[in-house]
């Protein structure tokens, strides 16, 4: 678990420095988003989508998912962003403030 947390910290730190770092394995894709929108196509995305705030509160909106959010303040370690499903051709995650880690995961 300690190495997993350290790798997530590296993804976040890279984004803070203006670099994109993505972790990919056979079941997951993990990346950071800061003050921007990202479109995730359902055909290329994994089944589940989780969003975690890092480094403080983030203000996010989520569209095209089972549990949409609009200008929601997501706190670090909040479980609210876990395991949302993409229900449209694409999901749109907008981070209006802060940095989030997005985890795309297969349905196991």
Protein backbone atom coordinates (compact mmCIF):
# COMPACT_ATOMS: atom_id res chain seq x y z
CA UNK A 1 0.00 0.00 0.00
CA UNK A 2 2.82 2.42 0.80
CA UNK A 3 4.26 2.18 -2.73
CA UNK A 4 0.81 2.66 -4.26
CA UNK A 5 0.29 5.85 -2.25
CA UNK A 6 3.76 7.07 -3.20
CA UNK A 7 3.02 6.48 -6.89
CA UNK A 8 -0.26 8.42 -6.61
CA UNK A 9 1.68 11.26 -5.00
CA UNK A 10 4.09 11.23 -7.96
CA UNK A 11 1.17 11.51 -10.41
CA UNK A 12 -0.14 14.52 -8.48
CA UNK A 13 3.28 16.17 -8.14
CA UNK A 14 3.95 15.78 -11.86
CA UNK A 15 0.67 17.55 -12.67
CA UNK A 16 1.55 20.39 -10.27
CA UNK A 17 4.76 20.85 -12.27
CA UNK A 18 2.92 20.89 -15.61
CA UNK A 19 3.74 17.32 -16.64
CA UNK A 20 1.26 14.54 -17.31
CA UNK A 21 2.05 11.19 -15.72
CA UNK A 22 -0.24 8.20 -16.22
CA UNK A 23 -0.18 4.83 -14.48
CA UNK A 24 -1.60 1.98 -16.57
CA UNK A 25 -1.99 -1.69 -15.74
CA UNK A 26 -4.24 -4.43 -17.08
CA UNK A 27 -7.29 -3.16 -15.14
CA UNK A 28 -6.66 0.55 -14.39
CA UNK A 29 -5.66 3.89 -15.84
CA UNK A 30 -4.72 6.61 -13.32
CA UNK A 31 -3.95 10.26 -14.09
CA UNK A 32 -4.30 13.76 -12.61
CA UNK A 33 -6.40 16.71 -13.75
CA UNK A 34 -5.83 20.28 -12.57
CA UNK A 35 -8.12 23.26 -13.32
CA UNK A 36 -9.34 21.82 -16.64
CA UNK A 37 -11.92 19.53 -18.25
CA UNK A 38 -11.23 16.04 -19.50
CA UNK A 39 -13.43 13.97 -21.81
CA UNK A 40 -13.32 10.22 -21.37
CA UNK A 41 -14.88 8.23 -24.21
CA UNK A 42 -16.86 5.23 -23.09
CA UNK A 43 -15.44 3.00 -25.82
CA UNK A 44 -11.87 3.63 -24.68
CA UNK A 45 -12.56 4.13 -20.99
CA UNK A 46 -12.70 1.54 -18.30
CA UNK A 47 -16.08 0.68 -16.77
CA UNK A 48 -15.80 2.58 -13.47
CA UNK A 49 -14.55 6.09 -12.86
CA UNK A 50 -13.34 7.36 -9.48
CA UNK A 51 -12.27 10.92 -8.65
CA UNK A 52 -10.15 11.83 -5.61
CA UNK A 53 -9.14 15.33 -4.55
CA UNK A 54 -5.47 15.79 -3.67
CA UNK A 55 -3.72 18.70 -1.99
CA UNK A 56 -6.87 20.34 -0.64
CA UNK A 57 -10.50 20.77 -1.63
CA UNK A 58 -11.39 20.64 -5.33
CA UNK A 59 -14.50 21.97 -7.06
CA UNK A 60 -15.66 19.50 -9.69
CA UNK A 61 -18.50 18.70 -12.06
CA UNK A 62 -19.16 15.28 -13.57
CA UNK A 63 -21.41 14.70 -16.60
CA UNK A 64 -22.30 11.54 -18.49
CA UNK A 65 -22.05 9.41 -15.36
CA UNK A 66 -24.54 7.57 -13.16
CA UNK A 67 -24.02 10.02 -10.27
CA UNK A 68 -23.49 13.46 -11.85
CA UNK A 69 -22.12 16.38 -9.84
CA UNK A 70 -22.31 20.12 -10.44
CA UNK A 71 -19.82 22.49 -8.79
CA UNK A 72 -19.35 20.05 -5.93
CA UNK A 73 -16.60 20.67 -3.37
CA UNK A 74 -14.73 17.38 -3.04
CA UNK A 75 -12.50 17.07 0.02
CA UNK A 76 -9.36 14.93 0.18
CA UNK A 77 -10.08 11.34 1.29
CA UNK A 78 -13.80 11.75 0.49
CA UNK A 79 -15.36 8.47 -0.63
CA UNK A 80 -18.08 10.27 -2.62
CA UNK A 81 -16.12 10.10 -5.88
CA UNK A 82 -15.60 6.32 -5.82
CA UNK A 83 -16.89 3.91 -8.50
CA UNK A 84 -19.10 6.07 -10.68
CA UNK A 85 -20.24 4.52 -13.98
CA UNK A 86 -19.97 6.11 -17.41
CA UNK A 87 -23.53 6.14 -18.83
CA UNK A 88 -23.11 8.23 -22.00
CA UNK A 89 -20.82 8.01 -25.01
CA UNK A 90 -18.38 10.10 -22.99
CA UNK A 91 -17.96 11.37 -19.46
CA UNK A 92 -16.83 14.95 -18.87
CA UNK A 93 -14.97 15.71 -15.65
CA UNK A 94 -14.40 19.41 -15.02
CA UNK A 95 -12.07 20.56 -12.28
CA UNK A 96 -12.80 24.24 -11.62
CA UNK A 97 -10.48 24.45 -8.64
CA UNK A 98 -7.74 22.16 -7.42
CA UNK A 99 -6.24 18.88 -8.52
CA UNK A 100 -7.85 15.46 -8.67
CA UNK A 101 -6.66 11.95 -9.38
CA UNK A 102 -8.93 10.06 -11.78
CA UNK A 103 -8.96 6.27 -11.73
CA UNK A 104 -10.55 4.38 -14.61
CA UNK A 105 -11.15 0.75 -13.61
CA UNK A 106 -12.47 -2.36 -15.33
CA UNK A 107 -15.54 -4.11 -14.07
CA UNK A 108 -14.08 -7.14 -12.30
